[in-house]
Amino acid sequence: MVADYAPLLLLFAIAIVIALVMVGGSWLLGPRRPTPAKQSSYECGITPVGSARERFPIHFYLTAMLFIIFDVEVAFLYPFFVILRELPAEVRTFAMGIVGVFTLLLIVGFLYEWKKGALDWEDPIERRRLQPTAEPNPQPALQPVSGEQ
């Protein structure tokens, strides 16, 4: 039984040894001259400003999660279409129906998220504030401050 897994165990052992040699070798042979520039966080060549611990808007996470969900669901379609030609004709028709239902559910879910505004990047309250109104708000007449007349 162990002999069946010997090549796999050997591969893992070789991978661990190579990783340890690379990390250990760079640690032993590399120069150690720390400077503030070397120890600062790297932000695509731009000088870091502020703290790295700032809060991101929820829209960022919601959009990212929706992208991953729909991306993974679409990835399930790829193996199906790879083996579609190899399926017998009667099974192929049934399988296409199942994939059609799956795709319909994907589209309904996407339209629901779109209608709910989950894909809108900006805040709905901010959007309403920036939209022009139908008629301008009249300025209230200036009232004299009590004691003035």
N, C-alpha and C. Protein backbone atom coordinates (compact mmCIF):
# COMPACT_ATOMS: atom_id res chain seq x y z
N MET A 1 0.82 -1.19 0.00
CA MET A 1 0.00 0.00 0.00
C MET A 1 0.86 1.26 0.00
N VAL A 2 1.91 1.29 0.84
CA VAL A 2 2.79 2.45 0.90
C VAL A 2 3.58 2.58 -0.40
N ALA A 3 3.87 1.46 -1.03
CA ALA A 3 4.63 1.49 -2.29
C ALA A 3 3.85 2.21 -3.38
N ASP A 4 2.51 2.20 -3.31
CA ASP A 4 1.70 2.91 -4.30
C ASP A 4 1.87 4.42 -4.18
N TYR A 5 2.11 4.89 -2.96
CA TYR A 5 2.24 6.32 -2.72
C TYR A 5 3.69 6.80 -2.68
N ALA A 6 4.64 5.93 -2.88
CA ALA A 6 6.05 6.28 -2.81
C ALA A 6 6.43 7.38 -3.81
N PRO A 7 6.00 7.32 -5.08
CA PRO A 7 6.37 8.41 -5.99
C PRO A 7 5.81 9.77 -5.55
N LEU A 8 4.59 9.76 -5.02
CA LEU A 8 3.99 11.00 -4.56
C LEU A 8 4.74 11.55 -3.33
N LEU A 9 5.07 10.67 -2.40
CA LEU A 9 5.83 11.10 -1.22
C LEU A 9 7.21 11.60 -1.61
N LEU A 10 7.84 10.95 -2.58
CA LEU A 10 9.14 11.40 -3.07
C LEU A 10 9.03 12.79 -3.70
N LEU A 11 7.98 13.03 -4.46
CA LEU A 11 7.76 14.34 -5.08
C LEU A 11 7.59 15.42 -4.02
N PHE A 12 6.79 15.16 -2.98
CA PHE A 12 6.61 16.12 -1.89
C PHE A 12 7.93 16.38 -1.17
N ALA A 13 8.71 15.34 -0.93
CA ALA A 13 9.99 15.50 -0.24
C ALA A 13 10.94 16.35 -1.07
N ILE A 14 11.00 16.11 -2.37
CA ILE A 14 11.87 16.90 -3.25
C ILE A 14 11.42 18.35 -3.26
N ALA A 15 10.11 18.59 -3.32
CA ALA A 15 9.59 19.96 -3.34
C ALA A 15 9.94 20.69 -2.04
N ILE A 16 9.82 20.01 -0.91
CA ILE A 16 10.14 20.64 0.38
C ILE A 16 11.63 20.94 0.46
N VAL A 17 12.47 20.01 0.02
CA VAL A 17 13.93 20.24 0.06
C VAL A 17 14.31 21.41 -0.84
N ILE A 18 13.76 21.48 -2.04
CA ILE A 18 14.07 22.59 -2.96
C ILE A 18 13.64 23.91 -2.35
N ALA A 19 12.44 23.96 -1.76
CA ALA A 19 11.96 25.20 -1.15
C ALA A 19 12.86 25.62 0.01
N LEU A 20 13.24 24.68 0.86
CA LEU A 20 14.11 25.01 1.98
C LEU A 20 15.49 25.47 1.53
N VAL A 21 16.03 24.84 0.50
CA VAL A 21 17.35 25.24 -0.02
C VAL A 21 17.27 26.66 -0.59
N MET A 22 16.21 26.97 -1.32
CA MET A 22 16.10 28.31 -1.91
C MET A 22 15.94 29.39 -0.83
N VAL A 23 15.05 29.16 0.12
CA VAL A 23 14.83 30.16 1.17
C VAL A 23 16.07 30.26 2.06
N GLY A 24 16.60 29.13 2.47
CA GLY A 24 17.79 29.14 3.32
C GLY A 24 19.00 29.73 2.62
N GLY A 25 19.18 29.42 1.35
CA GLY A 25 20.31 29.96 0.61
C GLY A 25 20.22 31.47 0.46
N SER A 26 19.06 31.99 0.17
CA SER A 26 18.93 33.44 0.04
C SER A 26 19.09 34.12 1.40
N TRP A 27 18.67 33.48 2.46
CA TRP A 27 18.84 34.05 3.79
C TRP A 27 20.32 34.05 4.20
N LEU A 28 21.03 32.95 3.89
CA LEU A 28 22.45 32.87 4.26
C LEU A 28 23.34 33.74 3.38
N LEU A 29 23.09 33.75 2.09
CA LEU A 29 23.99 34.42 1.16
C LEU A 29 23.61 35.87 0.88
N GLY A 30 22.39 36.26 1.16
CA GLY A 30 21.94 37.61 0.83
C GLY A 30 22.48 38.66 1.78
N PRO A 31 22.71 39.88 1.27
CA PRO A 31 23.20 40.95 2.15
C PRO A 31 22.09 41.42 3.09
N ARG A 32 22.51 41.88 4.26
CA ARG A 32 21.54 42.38 5.24
C ARG A 32 21.87 43.85 5.52
N ARG A 33 21.33 44.73 4.71
CA ARG A 33 21.49 46.16 4.92
C ARG A 33 20.11 46.81 4.91
N PRO A 34 19.37 46.71 6.01
CA PRO A 34 18.02 47.27 6.00
C PRO A 34 18.05 48.80 5.97
N THR A 35 17.18 49.37 5.18
CA THR A 35 16.98 50.82 5.13
C THR A 35 15.48 51.07 5.25
N PRO A 36 15.10 52.28 5.61
CA PRO A 36 13.66 52.56 5.68
C PRO A 36 12.94 52.33 4.34
N ALA A 37 13.62 52.62 3.24
CA ALA A 37 13.00 52.41 1.93
C ALA A 37 12.79 50.92 1.66
N LYS A 38 13.75 50.08 2.07
CA LYS A 38 13.61 48.64 1.84
C LYS A 38 12.55 48.02 2.74
N GLN A 39 12.34 48.58 3.92
CA GLN A 39 11.39 48.00 4.85
C GLN A 39 9.99 48.59 4.73
N SER A 40 9.82 49.58 3.87
CA SER A 40 8.48 50.14 3.70
C SER A 40 7.68 49.25 2.76
N SER A 41 6.37 49.37 2.83
CA SER A 41 5.52 48.55 1.97
C SER A 41 5.63 49.04 0.53
N TYR A 42 5.53 48.12 -0.40
CA TYR A 42 5.65 48.45 -1.82
C TYR A 42 4.27 48.65 -2.41
N GLU A 43 4.04 49.81 -3.00
CA GLU A 43 2.75 50.11 -3.60
C GLU A 43 2.93 50.54 -5.06
N CYS A 44 3.39 49.64 -5.87
CA CYS A 44 3.50 49.86 -7.32
C CYS A 44 4.36 51.07 -7.66
N GLY A 45 5.41 51.30 -6.93
CA GLY A 45 6.31 52.39 -7.25
C GLY A 45 5.88 53.73 -6.70
N ILE A 46 4.73 53.79 -6.05
CA ILE A 46 4.24 55.04 -5.49
C ILE A 46 4.63 55.09 -4.01
N THR A 47 5.01 56.26 -3.55
CA THR A 47 5.35 56.40 -2.15
C THR A 47 4.11 56.15 -1.30
N PRO A 48 4.19 55.23 -0.33
CA PRO A 48 3.01 54.93 0.49
C PRO A 48 2.53 56.16 1.25
N VAL A 49 1.23 56.33 1.27
CA VAL A 49 0.62 57.45 2.00
C VAL A 49 -0.40 56.87 2.97
N GLY A 50 -0.34 57.25 4.20
CA GLY A 50 -1.32 56.81 5.19
C GLY A 50 -1.05 55.40 5.67
N SER A 51 -2.04 54.87 6.36
CA SER A 51 -1.93 53.54 6.94
C SER A 51 -2.41 52.48 5.96
N ALA A 52 -1.83 51.31 6.04
CA ALA A 52 -2.29 50.20 5.21
C ALA A 52 -3.52 49.55 5.82
N ARG A 53 -3.91 49.97 6.99
CA ARG A 53 -5.04 49.39 7.70
C ARG A 53 -6.31 50.21 7.54
N GLU A 54 -6.54 50.77 6.38
CA GLU A 54 -7.75 51.56 6.16
C GLU A 54 -8.91 50.65 5.75
N ARG A 55 -10.11 51.13 5.94
CA ARG A 55 -11.30 50.34 5.62
C ARG A 55 -11.66 50.54 4.15
N PHE A 56 -12.08 49.44 3.53
CA PHE A 56 -12.56 49.49 2.16
C PHE A 56 -14.08 49.51 2.18
N PRO A 57 -14.69 50.16 1.20
CA PRO A 57 -16.15 50.15 1.16
C PRO A 57 -16.68 48.74 0.90
N ILE A 58 -17.86 48.48 1.39
CA ILE A 58 -18.48 47.16 1.25
C ILE A 58 -18.72 46.82 -0.21
N HIS A 59 -18.88 47.83 -1.06
CA HIS A 59 -19.11 47.58 -2.48
C HIS A 59 -17.94 46.81 -3.11
N PHE A 60 -16.73 47.09 -2.63
CA PHE A 60 -15.56 46.40 -3.14
C PHE A 60 -15.66 44.90 -2.88
N TYR A 61 -15.98 44.53 -1.64
CA TYR A 61 -16.07 43.12 -1.28
C TYR A 61 -17.26 42.44 -1.95
N LEU A 62 -18.39 43.14 -2.03
CA LEU A 62 -19.57 42.57 -2.66
C LEU A 62 -19.32 42.29 -4.14
N THR A 63 -18.71 43.24 -4.82
CA THR A 63 -18.40 43.04 -6.24
C THR A 63 -17.40 41.90 -6.42
N ALA A 64 -16.41 41.82 -5.56
CA ALA A 64 -15.42 40.74 -5.65
C ALA A 64 -16.06 39.38 -5.42
N MET A 65 -16.95 39.30 -4.41
CA MET A 65 -17.60 38.01 -4.13
C MET A 65 -18.51 37.60 -5.28
N LEU A 66 -19.24 38.55 -5.84
CA LEU A 66 -20.12 38.22 -6.96
C LEU A 66 -19.31 37.76 -8.17
N PHE A 67 -18.18 38.43 -8.41
CA PHE A 67 -17.33 38.02 -9.52
C PHE A 67 -16.85 36.58 -9.32
N ILE A 68 -16.40 36.26 -8.13
CA ILE A 68 -15.89 34.91 -7.87
C ILE A 68 -17.01 33.89 -8.01
N ILE A 69 -18.19 34.21 -7.47
CA ILE A 69 -19.31 33.27 -7.56
C ILE A 69 -19.65 32.98 -9.01
N PHE A 70 -19.85 34.02 -9.82
CA PHE A 70 -20.23 33.80 -11.21
C PHE A 70 -19.07 33.20 -12.01
N ASP A 71 -17.85 33.54 -11.67
CA ASP A 71 -16.70 32.97 -12.37
C ASP A 71 -16.59 31.47 -12.11
N VAL A 72 -16.79 31.05 -10.87
CA VAL A 72 -16.72 29.63 -10.54
C VAL A 72 -17.87 28.87 -11.19
N GLU A 73 -19.06 29.47 -11.21
CA GLU A 73 -20.19 28.79 -11.84
C GLU A 73 -19.97 28.62 -13.33
N VAL A 74 -19.41 29.61 -13.97
CA VAL A 74 -19.13 29.48 -15.40
C VAL A 74 -18.01 28.47 -15.64
N ALA A 75 -17.08 28.37 -14.70
CA ALA A 75 -16.00 27.38 -14.83
C ALA A 75 -16.54 25.96 -14.79
N PHE A 76 -17.71 25.75 -14.17
CA PHE A 76 -18.33 24.42 -14.18
C PHE A 76 -18.82 24.03 -15.58
N LEU A 77 -19.05 25.01 -16.42
CA LEU A 77 -19.53 24.72 -17.77
C LEU A 77 -18.42 24.17 -18.67
N TYR A 78 -17.19 24.54 -18.41
CA TYR A 78 -16.09 24.15 -19.29
C TYR A 78 -15.95 22.63 -19.40
N PRO A 79 -15.88 21.86 -18.30
CA PRO A 79 -15.75 20.40 -18.45
C PRO A 79 -16.94 19.78 -19.19
N PHE A 80 -18.12 20.35 -19.00
CA PHE A 80 -19.29 19.83 -19.70
C PHE A 80 -19.10 19.96 -21.21
N PHE A 81 -18.70 21.12 -21.66
CA PHE A 81 -18.56 21.32 -23.10
C PHE A 81 -17.37 20.56 -23.69
N VAL A 82 -16.40 20.19 -22.85
CA VAL A 82 -15.28 19.39 -23.33
C VAL A 82 -15.75 17.98 -23.68
N ILE A 83 -16.64 17.41 -22.85
CA ILE A 83 -17.07 16.03 -23.10
C ILE A 83 -18.40 15.94 -23.87
N LEU A 84 -18.95 17.05 -24.29
CA LEU A 84 -20.27 17.05 -24.93
C LEU A 84 -20.31 16.16 -26.17
N ARG A 85 -19.28 16.20 -26.99
CA ARG A 85 -19.27 15.41 -28.24
C ARG A 85 -19.20 13.91 -27.97
N GLU A 86 -18.64 13.54 -26.84
CA GLU A 86 -18.49 12.12 -26.53
C GLU A 86 -19.76 11.50 -25.95
N LEU A 87 -20.73 12.32 -25.60
CA LEU A 87 -21.97 11.79 -25.01
C LEU A 87 -22.86 11.20 -26.10
N PRO A 88 -23.61 10.14 -25.79
CA PRO A 88 -24.58 9.61 -26.76
C PRO A 88 -25.67 10.66 -27.04
N ALA A 89 -26.34 10.56 -28.16
CA ALA A 89 -27.30 11.56 -28.61
C ALA A 89 -28.43 11.77 -27.60
N GLU A 90 -28.98 10.68 -27.05
CA GLU A 90 -30.11 10.84 -26.12
C GLU A 90 -29.65 11.48 -24.81
N VAL A 91 -28.46 11.19 -24.37
CA VAL A 91 -27.93 11.80 -23.15
C VAL A 91 -27.53 13.25 -23.43
N ARG A 92 -27.02 13.51 -24.64
CA ARG A 92 -26.60 14.86 -25.01
C ARG A 92 -27.77 15.83 -24.92
N THR A 93 -28.95 15.43 -25.40
CA THR A 93 -30.12 16.29 -25.35
C THR A 93 -30.52 16.58 -23.91
N PHE A 94 -30.54 15.57 -23.08
CA PHE A 94 -30.86 15.74 -21.66
C PHE A 94 -29.84 16.65 -20.98
N ALA A 95 -28.55 16.42 -21.27
CA ALA A 95 -27.49 17.22 -20.66
C ALA A 95 -27.58 18.68 -21.10
N MET A 96 -27.92 18.92 -22.34
CA MET A 96 -28.08 20.31 -22.82
C MET A 96 -29.24 20.98 -22.08
N GLY A 97 -30.31 20.23 -21.81
CA GLY A 97 -31.42 20.79 -21.05
C GLY A 97 -31.01 21.17 -19.64
N ILE A 98 -30.22 20.30 -19.00
CA ILE A 98 -29.74 20.58 -17.65
C ILE A 98 -28.84 21.81 -17.65
N VAL A 99 -27.95 21.88 -18.63
CA VAL A 99 -27.06 23.06 -18.72
C VAL A 99 -27.86 24.30 -19.05
N GLY A 100 -28.92 24.17 -19.84
CA GLY A 100 -29.79 25.32 -20.11
C GLY A 100 -30.44 25.83 -18.84
N VAL A 101 -30.92 24.93 -17.99
CA VAL A 101 -31.52 25.34 -16.72
C VAL A 101 -30.46 26.01 -15.84
N PHE A 102 -29.27 25.44 -15.80
CA PHE A 102 -28.17 26.01 -15.02
C PHE A 102 -27.85 27.42 -15.51
N THR A 103 -27.77 27.59 -16.84
CA THR A 103 -27.47 28.91 -17.40
C THR A 103 -28.61 29.89 -17.13
N LEU A 104 -29.84 29.42 -17.21
CA LEU A 104 -30.98 30.28 -16.90
C LEU A 104 -30.93 30.74 -15.45
N LEU A 105 -30.59 29.85 -14.53
CA LEU A 105 -30.44 30.24 -13.13
C LEU A 105 -29.31 31.25 -12.94
N LEU A 106 -28.23 31.09 -13.68
CA LEU A 106 -27.14 32.07 -13.62
C LEU A 106 -27.62 33.43 -14.08
N ILE A 107 -28.36 33.46 -15.19
CA ILE A 107 -28.83 34.73 -15.73
C ILE A 107 -29.83 35.38 -14.77
N VAL A 108 -30.75 34.59 -14.21
CA VAL A 108 -31.72 35.13 -13.25
C VAL A 108 -30.99 35.69 -12.02
N GLY A 109 -30.01 34.98 -11.52
CA GLY A 109 -29.23 35.46 -10.37
C GLY A 109 -28.49 36.74 -10.70
N PHE A 110 -27.92 36.79 -11.89
CA PHE A 110 -27.20 38.00 -12.30
C PHE A 110 -28.15 39.18 -12.43
N LEU A 111 -29.31 38.96 -13.06
CA LEU A 111 -30.27 40.05 -13.21
C LEU A 111 -30.80 40.52 -11.85
N TYR A 112 -31.01 39.59 -10.93
CA TYR A 112 -31.45 39.95 -9.58
C TYR A 112 -30.41 40.84 -8.90
N GLU A 113 -29.15 40.43 -8.95
CA GLU A 113 -28.08 41.23 -8.34
C GLU A 113 -27.97 42.60 -9.00
N TRP A 114 -28.13 42.64 -10.30
CA TRP A 114 -28.06 43.89 -11.04
C TRP A 114 -29.21 44.80 -10.63
N LYS A 115 -30.41 44.25 -10.55
CA LYS A 115 -31.60 45.03 -10.20
C LYS A 115 -31.50 45.55 -8.76
N LYS A 116 -30.94 44.76 -7.86
CA LYS A 116 -30.78 45.17 -6.47
C LYS A 116 -29.70 46.23 -6.30
N GLY A 117 -28.88 46.46 -7.34
CA GLY A 117 -27.82 47.46 -7.27
C GLY A 117 -26.53 46.94 -6.68
N ALA A 118 -26.38 45.63 -6.60
CA ALA A 118 -25.16 45.07 -6.02
C ALA A 118 -23.94 45.33 -6.89
N LEU A 119 -24.14 45.58 -8.17
CA LEU A 119 -23.02 45.81 -9.07
C LEU A 119 -22.70 47.29 -9.24
N ASP A 120 -23.51 48.16 -8.62
CA ASP A 120 -23.23 49.59 -8.70
C ASP A 120 -22.09 49.92 -7.76
N TRP A 121 -21.11 50.59 -8.27
CA TRP A 121 -19.92 50.87 -7.48
C TRP A 121 -20.15 52.02 -6.52
N GLU A 122 -20.91 53.01 -6.94
CA GLU A 122 -21.08 54.17 -6.07
C GLU A 122 -22.27 53.99 -5.13
N ASP A 123 -22.27 54.74 -4.07
CA ASP A 123 -23.29 54.66 -3.04
C ASP A 123 -24.61 55.23 -3.56
N PRO A 124 -25.76 54.54 -3.37
CA PRO A 124 -27.02 55.05 -3.89
C PRO A 124 -27.41 56.39 -3.28
N ILE A 125 -27.07 56.63 -2.03
CA ILE A 125 -27.38 57.92 -1.40
C ILE A 125 -26.57 59.02 -2.07
N GLU A 126 -25.31 58.75 -2.33
CA GLU A 126 -24.45 59.73 -3.01
C GLU A 126 -24.96 59.98 -4.43
N ARG A 127 -25.43 58.93 -5.11
CA ARG A 127 -25.94 59.07 -6.47
C ARG A 127 -27.16 59.98 -6.49
N ARG A 128 -28.06 59.80 -5.50
CA ARG A 128 -29.25 60.66 -5.43
C ARG A 128 -28.87 62.10 -5.15
N ARG A 129 -27.85 62.30 -4.35
CA ARG A 129 -27.42 63.65 -4.02
C ARG A 129 -26.84 64.36 -5.24
N LEU A 130 -26.17 63.60 -6.12
CA LEU A 130 -25.53 64.20 -7.28
C LEU A 130 -26.47 64.39 -8.46
N GLN A 131 -27.64 63.75 -8.46
CA GLN A 131 -28.55 63.89 -9.58
C GLN A 131 -29.23 65.26 -9.52
N PRO A 132 -29.34 65.91 -10.69
CA PRO A 132 -30.01 67.22 -10.68
C PRO A 132 -31.50 67.05 -10.43
N THR A 133 -32.09 68.00 -9.73
CA THR A 133 -33.52 67.97 -9.47
C THR A 133 -34.27 68.63 -10.62
N ALA A 134 -35.57 68.39 -10.70
CA ALA A 134 -36.38 68.92 -11.80
C ALA A 134 -36.46 70.43 -11.73
N GLU A 135 -36.65 70.99 -10.56
CA GLU A 135 -36.70 72.45 -10.43
C GLU A 135 -35.73 72.86 -9.34
N PRO A 136 -35.08 73.97 -9.55
CA PRO A 136 -34.10 74.39 -8.54
C PRO A 136 -34.79 74.76 -7.24
N ASN A 137 -34.08 74.50 -6.14
CA ASN A 137 -34.61 74.87 -4.83
C ASN A 137 -34.51 76.37 -4.66
N PRO A 138 -35.64 77.04 -4.36
CA PRO A 138 -35.55 78.50 -4.15
C PRO A 138 -34.82 78.78 -2.84
N GLN A 139 -34.03 79.82 -2.85
CA GLN A 139 -33.31 80.22 -1.65
C GLN A 139 -34.30 80.89 -0.69
N PRO A 140 -34.29 80.50 0.56
CA PRO A 140 -35.20 81.16 1.51
C PRO A 140 -34.82 82.62 1.68
N ALA A 141 -35.83 83.43 1.89
CA ALA A 141 -35.58 84.85 2.10
C ALA A 141 -34.81 85.04 3.40
N LEU A 142 -33.90 85.97 3.40
CA LEU A 142 -33.13 86.22 4.61
C LEU A 142 -34.02 86.89 5.64
N GLN A 143 -34.02 86.33 6.81
CA GLN A 143 -34.80 86.87 7.90
C GLN A 143 -33.87 87.66 8.81
N PRO A 144 -34.32 88.77 9.28
CA PRO A 144 -33.44 89.55 10.19
C PRO A 144 -33.26 88.79 11.51
N VAL A 145 -32.07 88.85 12.02
CA VAL A 145 -31.75 88.23 13.29
C VAL A 145 -32.45 89.02 14.38
N SER A 146 -32.94 88.33 15.40
CA SER A 146 -33.67 89.05 16.44
C SER A 146 -32.80 90.13 17.05
N GLY A 147 -33.37 91.28 17.26
CA GLY A 147 -32.61 92.41 17.78
C GLY A 147 -32.17 93.34 16.66
N GLU A 148 -32.16 92.88 15.41
CA GLU A 148 -31.77 93.71 14.28
C GLU A 148 -33.01 94.16 13.57
N GLN A 149 -33.11 95.39 13.19
CA GLN A 149 -34.21 95.89 12.36
C GLN A 149 -33.91 97.23 11.86
